[in-house]
Amino acid sequence: MATNRYMDVHDGFVGVTKEQLAEAHAADLAIEGEEGVHFEQAWLDPESGKVFCLSTGPSKEAVMRIHERAGHPTAEVYELSIEV
């Protein structure tokens, strides 16, 4: 099974703390293996409420399913197919 790299974006995290971001990331990590996904890192801009997650996995849909099951769904998932 091919593994691709993805960046996804979440909205609505205004004022979230580093600890709260870590909790949300841990919720993904707890179940990511069920879809063959691995969330490498997450970044937060608490002023805009945006969260960015870097992951690897078999498909955008697999990434979306894990995020939805972990309680923070997003449809904004991008495959990072070109790197320089």
PDB file of N, CA and C in Angstrom:
ATOM      1  N   MET A   1       0.851  -1.186   0.000  1.00  0.00           N
ATOM      2  CA  MET A   1       0.000   0.000   0.000  1.00  0.00           C
ATOM      3  C   MET A   1       0.891   1.242   0.000  1.00  0.00           C
ATOM      4  N   ALA A   2       0.609   2.150  -0.920  1.00  0.00           N
ATOM      5  CA  ALA A   2       1.399   3.377  -1.029  1.00  0.00           C
ATOM      6  C   ALA A   2       1.136   4.293   0.162  1.00  0.00           C
ATOM      7  N   THR A   3       2.176   4.985   0.570  1.00  0.00           N
ATOM      8  CA  THR A   3       2.038   5.969   1.639  1.00  0.00           C
ATOM      9  C   THR A   3       2.343   7.343   1.054  1.00  0.00           C
ATOM     10  N   ASN A   4       1.391   8.240   1.215  1.00  0.00           N
ATOM     11  CA  ASN A   4       1.525   9.598   0.717  1.00  0.00           C
ATOM     12  C   ASN A   4       1.578  10.558   1.891  1.00  0.00           C
ATOM     13  N   ARG A   5       2.002  11.786   1.607  1.00  0.00           N
ATOM     14  CA  ARG A   5       2.098  12.809   2.647  1.00  0.00           C
ATOM     15  C   ARG A   5       0.964  13.816   2.475  1.00  0.00           C
ATOM     16  N   TYR A   6       0.405  14.266   3.595  1.00  0.00           N
ATOM     17  CA  TYR A   6      -0.734  15.178   3.570  1.00  0.00           C
ATOM     18  C   TYR A   6      -0.565  16.307   4.576  1.00  0.00           C
ATOM     19  N   MET A   7      -1.148  17.457   4.231  1.00  0.00           N
ATOM     20  CA  MET A   7      -1.280  18.576   5.157  1.00  0.00           C
ATOM     21  C   MET A   7      -2.767  18.879   5.228  1.00  0.00           C
ATOM     22  N   ASP A   8      -3.290  18.955   6.437  1.00  0.00           N
ATOM     23  CA  ASP A   8      -4.691  19.338   6.565  1.00  0.00           C
ATOM     24  C   ASP A   8      -4.820  20.562   7.449  1.00  0.00           C
ATOM     25  N   VAL A   9      -5.959  21.238   7.303  1.00  0.00           N
ATOM     26  CA  VAL A   9      -6.196  22.506   7.980  1.00  0.00           C
ATOM     27  C   VAL A   9      -7.532  22.429   8.708  1.00  0.00           C
ATOM     28  N   HIS A  10      -7.521  22.859   9.952  1.00  0.00           N
ATOM     29  CA  HIS A  10      -8.732  22.932  10.772  1.00  0.00           C
ATOM     30  C   HIS A  10      -8.993  24.384  11.135  1.00  0.00           C
ATOM     31  N   ASP A  11     -10.259  24.753  11.228  1.00  0.00           N
ATOM     32  CA  ASP A  11     -10.668  26.082  11.694  1.00  0.00           C
ATOM     33  C   ASP A  11     -11.366  25.940  13.041  1.00  0.00           C
ATOM     34  N   GLY A  12     -11.522  27.073  13.724  1.00  0.00           N
ATOM     35  CA  GLY A  12     -12.330  27.080  14.945  1.00  0.00           C
ATOM     36  C   GLY A  12     -11.565  26.799  16.225  1.00  0.00           C
ATOM     37  N   PHE A  13     -10.239  26.954  16.200  1.00  0.00           N
ATOM     38  CA  PHE A  13      -9.425  26.678  17.380  1.00  0.00           C
ATOM     39  C   PHE A  13      -8.887  27.959  18.013  1.00  0.00           C
ATOM     40  N   VAL A  14      -9.654  29.057  17.933  1.00  0.00           N
ATOM     41  CA  VAL A  14      -9.238  30.339  18.511  1.00  0.00           C
ATOM     42  C   VAL A  14      -9.060  30.179  20.017  1.00  0.00           C
ATOM     43  N   GLY A  15      -7.908  30.642  20.524  1.00  0.00           N
ATOM     44  CA  GLY A  15      -7.661  30.612  21.957  1.00  0.00           C
ATOM     45  C   GLY A  15      -7.263  29.261  22.524  1.00  0.00           C
ATOM     46  N   VAL A  16      -7.096  28.272  21.675  1.00  0.00           N
ATOM     47  CA  VAL A  16      -6.698  26.936  22.141  1.00  0.00           C
ATOM     48  C   VAL A  16      -5.256  27.003  22.647  1.00  0.00           C
ATOM     49  N   THR A  17      -4.956  26.253  23.691  1.00  0.00           N
ATOM     50  CA  THR A  17      -3.616  26.234  24.271  1.00  0.00           C
ATOM     51  C   THR A  17      -2.775  25.104  23.680  1.00  0.00           C
ATOM     52  N   LYS A  18      -1.487  25.161  23.949  1.00  0.00           N
ATOM     53  CA  LYS A  18      -0.583  24.090  23.515  1.00  0.00           C
ATOM     54  C   LYS A  18      -1.025  22.757  24.106  1.00  0.00           C
ATOM     55  N   GLU A  19      -1.462  22.768  25.360  1.00  0.00           N
ATOM     56  CA  GLU A  19      -1.908  21.540  26.027  1.00  0.00           C
ATOM     57  C   GLU A  19      -3.159  20.968  25.353  1.00  0.00           C
ATOM     58  N   GLN A  20      -4.091  21.840  24.974  1.00  0.00           N
ATOM     59  CA  GLN A  20      -5.309  21.379  24.294  1.00  0.00           C
ATOM     60  C   GLN A  20      -4.986  20.824  22.912  1.00  0.00           C
ATOM     61  N   LEU A  21      -4.034  21.460  22.217  1.00  0.00           N
ATOM     62  CA  LEU A  21      -3.604  20.939  20.922  1.00  0.00           C
ATOM     63  C   LEU A  21      -2.978  19.558  21.097  1.00  0.00           C
ATOM     64  N   ALA A  22      -2.171  19.391  22.135  1.00  0.00           N
ATOM     65  CA  ALA A  22      -1.537  18.094  22.410  1.00  0.00           C
ATOM     66  C   ALA A  22      -2.584  17.023  22.682  1.00  0.00           C
ATOM     67  N   GLU A  23      -3.660  17.375  23.380  1.00  0.00           N
ATOM     68  CA  GLU A  23      -4.749  16.424  23.643  1.00  0.00           C
ATOM     69  C   GLU A  23      -5.429  16.002  22.349  1.00  0.00           C
ATOM     70  N   ALA A  24      -5.707  16.963  21.469  1.00  0.00           N
ATOM     71  CA  ALA A  24      -6.348  16.652  20.188  1.00  0.00           C
ATOM     72  C   ALA A  24      -5.431  15.772  19.340  1.00  0.00           C
ATOM     73  N   HIS A  25      -4.136  16.089  19.325  1.00  0.00           N
ATOM     74  CA  HIS A  25      -3.156  15.295  18.572  1.00  0.00           C
ATOM     75  C   HIS A  25      -3.090  13.873  19.135  1.00  0.00           C
ATOM     76  N   ALA A  26      -3.116  13.744  20.451  1.00  0.00           N
ATOM     77  CA  ALA A  26      -3.080  12.419  21.086  1.00  0.00           C
ATOM     78  C   ALA A  26      -4.305  11.587  20.718  1.00  0.00           C
ATOM     79  N   ALA A  27      -5.455  12.242  20.559  1.00  0.00           N
ATOM     80  CA  ALA A  27      -6.676  11.517  20.165  1.00  0.00           C
ATOM     81  C   ALA A  27      -6.509  10.915  18.772  1.00  0.00           C
ATOM     82  N   ASP A  28      -5.837  11.644  17.877  1.00  0.00           N
ATOM     83  CA  ASP A  28      -5.536  11.106  16.548  1.00  0.00           C
ATOM     84  C   ASP A  28      -4.563   9.932  16.650  1.00  0.00           C
ATOM     85  N   LEU A  29      -3.495  10.119  17.428  1.00  0.00           N
ATOM     86  CA  LEU A  29      -2.462   9.084  17.546  1.00  0.00           C
ATOM     87  C   LEU A  29      -3.021   7.784  18.116  1.00  0.00           C
ATOM     88  N   ALA A  30      -4.013   7.891  18.984  1.00  0.00           N
ATOM     89  CA  ALA A  30      -4.570   6.703  19.644  1.00  0.00           C
ATOM     90  C   ALA A  30      -5.239   5.752  18.661  1.00  0.00           C
ATOM     91  N   ILE A  31      -5.735   6.282  17.534  1.00  0.00           N
ATOM     92  CA  ILE A  31      -6.484   5.421  16.600  1.00  0.00           C
ATOM     93  C   ILE A  31      -5.939   5.443  15.174  1.00  0.00           C
ATOM     94  N   GLU A  32      -4.867   6.200  14.929  1.00  0.00           N
ATOM     95  CA  GLU A  32      -4.369   6.377  13.565  1.00  0.00           C
ATOM     96  C   GLU A  32      -4.012   5.070  12.862  1.00  0.00           C
ATOM     97  N   GLY A  33      -3.499   4.107  13.595  1.00  0.00           N
ATOM     98  CA  GLY A  33      -3.073   2.847  13.002  1.00  0.00           C
ATOM     99  C   GLY A  33      -4.203   2.057  12.376  1.00  0.00           C
ATOM    100  N   GLU A  34      -5.421   2.290  12.826  1.00  0.00           N
ATOM    101  CA  GLU A  34      -6.579   1.567  12.286  1.00  0.00           C
ATOM    102  C   GLU A  34      -6.827   1.900  10.823  1.00  0.00           C
ATOM    103  N   GLU A  35      -6.303   3.041  10.368  1.00  0.00           N
ATOM    104  CA  GLU A  35      -6.469   3.453   8.963  1.00  0.00           C
ATOM    105  C   GLU A  35      -5.125   3.502   8.227  1.00  0.00           C
ATOM    106  N   GLY A  36      -4.039   3.080   8.887  1.00  0.00           N
ATOM    107  CA  GLY A  36      -2.724   3.131   8.259  1.00  0.00           C
ATOM    108  C   GLY A  36      -2.190   4.542   8.109  1.00  0.00           C
ATOM    109  N   VAL A  37      -2.636   5.441   8.997  1.00  0.00           N
ATOM    110  CA  VAL A  37      -2.242   6.848   8.964  1.00  0.00           C
ATOM    111  C   VAL A  37      -1.258   7.105  10.105  1.00  0.00           C
ATOM    112  N   HIS A  38      -0.366   8.080   9.912  1.00  0.00           N
ATOM    113  CA  HIS A  38       0.469   8.542  11.018  1.00  0.00           C
ATOM    114  C   HIS A  38       0.515  10.061  10.991  1.00  0.00           C
ATOM    115  N   PHE A  39       0.094  10.680  12.078  1.00  0.00           N
ATOM    116  CA  PHE A  39       0.158  12.128  12.218  1.00  0.00           C
ATOM    117  C   PHE A  39       1.515  12.497  12.787  1.00  0.00           C
ATOM    118  N   GLU A  40       2.336  13.137  11.960  1.00  0.00           N
ATOM    119  CA  GLU A  40       3.712  13.449  12.330  1.00  0.00           C
ATOM    120  C   GLU A  40       3.803  14.648  13.266  1.00  0.00           C
ATOM    121  N   GLN A  41       3.049  15.703  12.946  1.00  0.00           N
ATOM    122  CA  GLN A  41       3.175  16.931  13.720  1.00  0.00           C
ATOM    123  C   GLN A  41       1.938  17.788  13.508  1.00  0.00           C
ATOM    124  N   ALA A  42       1.666  18.652  14.485  1.00  0.00           N
ATOM    125  CA  ALA A  42       0.560  19.604  14.371  1.00  0.00           C
ATOM    126  C   ALA A  42       1.042  20.976  14.802  1.00  0.00           C
ATOM    127  N   TRP A  43       0.533  22.004  14.139  1.00  0.00           N
ATOM    128  CA  TRP A  43       0.871  23.389  14.447  1.00  0.00           C
ATOM    129  C   TRP A  43      -0.414  24.159  14.690  1.00  0.00           C
ATOM    130  N   LEU A  44      -0.345  25.168  15.537  1.00  0.00           N
ATOM    131  CA  LEU A  44      -1.510  25.959  15.914  1.00  0.00           C
ATOM    132  C   LEU A  44      -1.217  27.445  15.801  1.00  0.00           C
ATOM    133  N   ASP A  45      -2.160  28.190  15.210  1.00  0.00           N
ATOM    134  CA  ASP A  45      -2.169  29.648  15.284  1.00  0.00           C
ATOM    135  C   ASP A  45      -3.410  30.012  16.091  1.00  0.00           C
ATOM    136  N   PRO A  46      -3.263  30.239  17.410  1.00  0.00           N
ATOM    137  CA  PRO A  46      -4.433  30.465  18.263  1.00  0.00           C
ATOM    138  C   PRO A  46      -5.184  31.751  17.953  1.00  0.00           C
ATOM    139  N   GLU A  47      -4.523  32.710  17.305  1.00  0.00           N
ATOM    140  CA  GLU A  47      -5.211  33.964  16.960  1.00  0.00           C
ATOM    141  C   GLU A  47      -6.201  33.763  15.820  1.00  0.00           C
ATOM    142  N   SER A  48      -5.804  33.035  14.788  1.00  0.00           N
ATOM    143  CA  SER A  48      -6.704  32.775  13.657  1.00  0.00           C
ATOM    144  C   SER A  48      -7.578  31.555  13.910  1.00  0.00           C
ATOM    145  N   GLY A  49      -7.165  30.713  14.867  1.00  0.00           N
ATOM    146  CA  GLY A  49      -7.906  29.486  15.137  1.00  0.00           C
ATOM    147  C   GLY A  49      -7.615  28.370  14.153  1.00  0.00           C
ATOM    148  N   LYS A  50      -6.501  28.485  13.436  1.00  0.00           N
ATOM    149  CA  LYS A  50      -6.132  27.468  12.447  1.00  0.00           C
ATOM    150  C   LYS A  50      -5.162  26.461  13.052  1.00  0.00           C
ATOM    151  N   VAL A  51      -5.408  25.190  12.735  1.00  0.00           N
ATOM    152  CA  VAL A  51      -4.497  24.103  13.086  1.00  0.00           C
ATOM    153  C   VAL A  51      -4.087  23.424  11.786  1.00  0.00           C
ATOM    154  N   PHE A  52      -2.798  23.102  11.673  1.00  0.00           N
ATOM    155  CA  PHE A  52      -2.241  22.433  10.509  1.00  0.00           C
ATOM    156  C   PHE A  52      -1.629  21.112  10.970  1.00  0.00           C
ATOM    157  N   CYS A  53      -1.976  20.027  10.288  1.00  0.00           N
ATOM    158  CA  CYS A  53      -1.462  18.698  10.651  1.00  0.00           C
ATOM    159  C   CYS A  53      -0.738  18.083   9.466  1.00  0.00           C
ATOM    160  N   LEU A  54       0.459  17.577   9.722  1.00  0.00           N
ATOM    161  CA  LEU A  54       1.234  16.862   8.718  1.00  0.00           C
ATOM    162  C   LEU A  54       1.112  15.376   9.003  1.00  0.00           C
ATOM    163  N   SER A  55       0.756  14.611   7.963  1.00  0.00           N
ATOM    164  CA  SER A  55       0.564  13.180   8.174  1.00  0.00           C
ATOM    165  C   SER A  55       1.020  12.387   6.963  1.00  0.00           C
ATOM    166  N   THR A  56       1.140  11.085   7.167  1.00  0.00           N
ATOM    167  CA  THR A  56       1.342  10.145   6.068  1.00  0.00           C
ATOM    168  C   THR A  56       0.217   9.130   6.143  1.00  0.00           C
ATOM    169  N   GLY A  57      -0.120   8.569   4.993  1.00  0.00           N
ATOM    170  CA  GLY A  57      -1.180   7.574   4.981  1.00  0.00           C
ATOM    171  C   GLY A  57      -1.536   7.154   3.571  1.00  0.00           C
ATOM    172  N   PRO A  58      -2.486   6.235   3.457  1.00  0.00           N
ATOM    173  CA  PRO A  58      -2.845   5.694   2.154  1.00  0.00           C
ATOM    174  C   PRO A  58      -3.724   6.613   1.308  1.00  0.00           C
ATOM    175  N   SER A  59      -4.480   7.536   1.954  1.00  0.00           N
ATOM    176  CA  SER A  59      -5.396   8.388   1.196  1.00  0.00           C
ATOM    177  C   SER A  59      -5.858   9.569   2.038  1.00  0.00           C
ATOM    178  N   LYS A  60      -6.360  10.599   1.341  1.00  0.00           N
ATOM    179  CA  LYS A  60      -6.953  11.748   2.032  1.00  0.00           C
ATOM    180  C   LYS A  60      -8.143  11.295   2.870  1.00  0.00           C
ATOM    181  N   GLU A  61      -8.910  10.375   2.325  1.00  0.00           N
ATOM    182  CA  GLU A  61     -10.102   9.895   3.024  1.00  0.00           C
ATOM    183  C   GLU A  61      -9.749   9.221   4.344  1.00  0.00           C
ATOM    184  N   ALA A  62      -8.636   8.483   4.379  1.00  0.00           N
ATOM    185  CA  ALA A  62      -8.204   7.833   5.622  1.00  0.00           C
ATOM    186  C   ALA A  62      -7.846   8.873   6.673  1.00  0.00           C
ATOM    187  N   VAL A  63      -7.143   9.936   6.255  1.00  0.00           N
ATOM    188  CA  VAL A  63      -6.797  11.029   7.167  1.00  0.00           C
ATOM    189  C   VAL A  63      -8.078  11.668   7.708  1.00  0.00           C
ATOM    190  N   MET A  64      -9.029  11.927   6.825  1.00  0.00           N
ATOM    191  CA  MET A  64     -10.285  12.555   7.213  1.00  0.00           C
ATOM    192  C   MET A  64     -11.073  11.686   8.197  1.00  0.00           C
ATOM    193  N   ARG A  65     -11.083  10.375   7.963  1.00  0.00           N
ATOM    194  CA  ARG A  65     -11.821   9.469   8.863  1.00  0.00           C
ATOM    195  C   ARG A  65     -11.235   9.487  10.275  1.00  0.00           C
ATOM    196  N   ILE A  66      -9.912   9.475  10.393  1.00  0.00           N
ATOM    197  CA  ILE A  66      -9.298   9.508  11.725  1.00  0.00           C
ATOM    198  C   ILE A  66      -9.624  10.820  12.426  1.00  0.00           C
ATOM    199  N   HIS A  67      -9.473  11.936  11.742  1.00  0.00           N
ATOM    200  CA  HIS A  67      -9.794  13.232  12.355  1.00  0.00           C
ATOM    201  C   HIS A  67     -11.268  13.280  12.788  1.00  0.00           C
ATOM    202  N   GLU A  68     -12.153  12.771  11.962  1.00  0.00           N
ATOM    203  CA  GLU A  68     -13.578  12.792  12.317  1.00  0.00           C
ATOM    204  C   GLU A  68     -13.841  11.940  13.554  1.00  0.00           C
ATOM    205  N   ARG A  69     -13.274  10.752  13.597  1.00  0.00           N
ATOM    206  CA  ARG A  69     -13.478   9.856  14.742  1.00  0.00           C
ATOM    207  C   ARG A  69     -12.856  10.435  16.014  1.00  0.00           C
ATOM    208  N   ALA A  70     -11.768  11.205  15.864  1.00  0.00           N
ATOM    209  CA  ALA A  70     -11.097  11.790  17.030  1.00  0.00           C
ATOM    210  C   ALA A  70     -11.799  13.057  17.518  1.00  0.00           C
ATOM    211  N   GLY A  71     -12.799  13.524  16.761  1.00  0.00           N
ATOM    212  CA  GLY A  71     -13.607  14.646  17.225  1.00  0.00           C
ATOM    213  C   GLY A  71     -13.288  16.002  16.629  1.00  0.00           C
ATOM    214  N   HIS A  72     -12.440  16.037  15.617  1.00  0.00           N
ATOM    215  CA  HIS A  72     -12.124  17.321  14.966  1.00  0.00           C
ATOM    216  C   HIS A  72     -12.048  17.125  13.451  1.00  0.00           C
ATOM    217  N   PRO A  73     -13.221  16.966  12.825  1.00  0.00           N
ATOM    218  CA  PRO A  73     -13.265  16.698  11.386  1.00  0.00           C
ATOM    219  C   PRO A  73     -12.807  17.894  10.547  1.00  0.00           C
ATOM    220  N   THR A  74     -12.290  17.590   9.379  1.00  0.00           N
ATOM    221  CA  THR A  74     -11.961  18.610   8.381  1.00  0.00           C
ATOM    222  C   THR A  74     -12.071  17.993   6.995  1.00  0.00           C
ATOM    223  N   ALA A  75     -12.528  18.791   6.045  1.00  0.00           N
ATOM    224  CA  ALA A  75     -12.559  18.358   4.651  1.00  0.00           C
ATOM    225  C   ALA A  75     -11.375  18.944   3.888  1.00  0.00           C
ATOM    226  N   GLU A  76     -10.575  19.774   4.579  1.00  0.00           N
ATOM    227  CA  GLU A  76      -9.459  20.473   3.948  1.00  0.00           C
ATOM    228  C   GLU A  76      -8.173  19.674   4.141  1.00  0.00           C
ATOM    229  N   VAL A  77      -7.976  18.673   3.262  1.00  0.00           N
ATOM    230  CA  VAL A  77      -6.804  17.803   3.316  1.00  0.00           C
ATOM    231  C   VAL A  77      -6.123  17.873   1.941  1.00  0.00           C
ATOM    232  N   TYR A  78      -4.827  18.143   1.935  1.00  0.00           N
ATOM    233  CA  TYR A  78      -4.079  18.314   0.698  1.00  0.00           C
ATOM    234  C   TYR A  78      -2.962  17.296   0.601  1.00  0.00           C
ATOM    235  N   GLU A  79      -2.865  16.635  -0.573  1.00  0.00           N
ATOM    236  CA  GLU A  79      -1.759  15.715  -0.799  1.00  0.00           C
ATOM    237  C   GLU A  79      -0.526  16.524  -1.198  1.00  0.00           C
ATOM    238  N   LEU A  80       0.587  16.250  -0.527  1.00  0.00           N
ATOM    239  CA  LEU A  80       1.846  16.958  -0.792  1.00  0.00           C
ATOM    240  C   LEU A  80       2.675  16.122  -1.745  1.00  0.00           C
ATOM    241  N   SER A  81       2.318  16.173  -3.024  1.00  0.00           N
ATOM    242  CA  SER A  81       2.932  15.284  -4.011  1.00  0.00           C
ATOM    243  C   SER A  81       4.207  15.846  -4.627  1.00  0.00           C
ATOM    244  N   ILE A  82       4.447  17.152  -4.444  1.00  0.00           N
ATOM    245  CA  ILE A  82       5.655  17.769  -4.997  1.00  0.00           C
ATOM    246  C   ILE A  82       6.401  18.463  -3.855  1.00  0.00           C
ATOM    247  N   GLU A  83       7.697  18.161  -3.777  1.00  0.00           N
ATOM    248  CA  GLU A  83       8.527  18.762  -2.730  1.00  0.00           C
ATOM    249  C   GLU A  83       9.821  19.246  -3.350  1.00  0.00           C
ATOM    250  N   VAL A  84      10.304  20.404  -2.925  1.00  0.00           N
ATOM    251  CA  VAL A  84      11.579  20.922  -3.441  1.00  0.00           C
ATOM    252  C   VAL A  84      12.508  21.229  -2.288  1.00  0.00           C
TER     253      VAL A  84
END
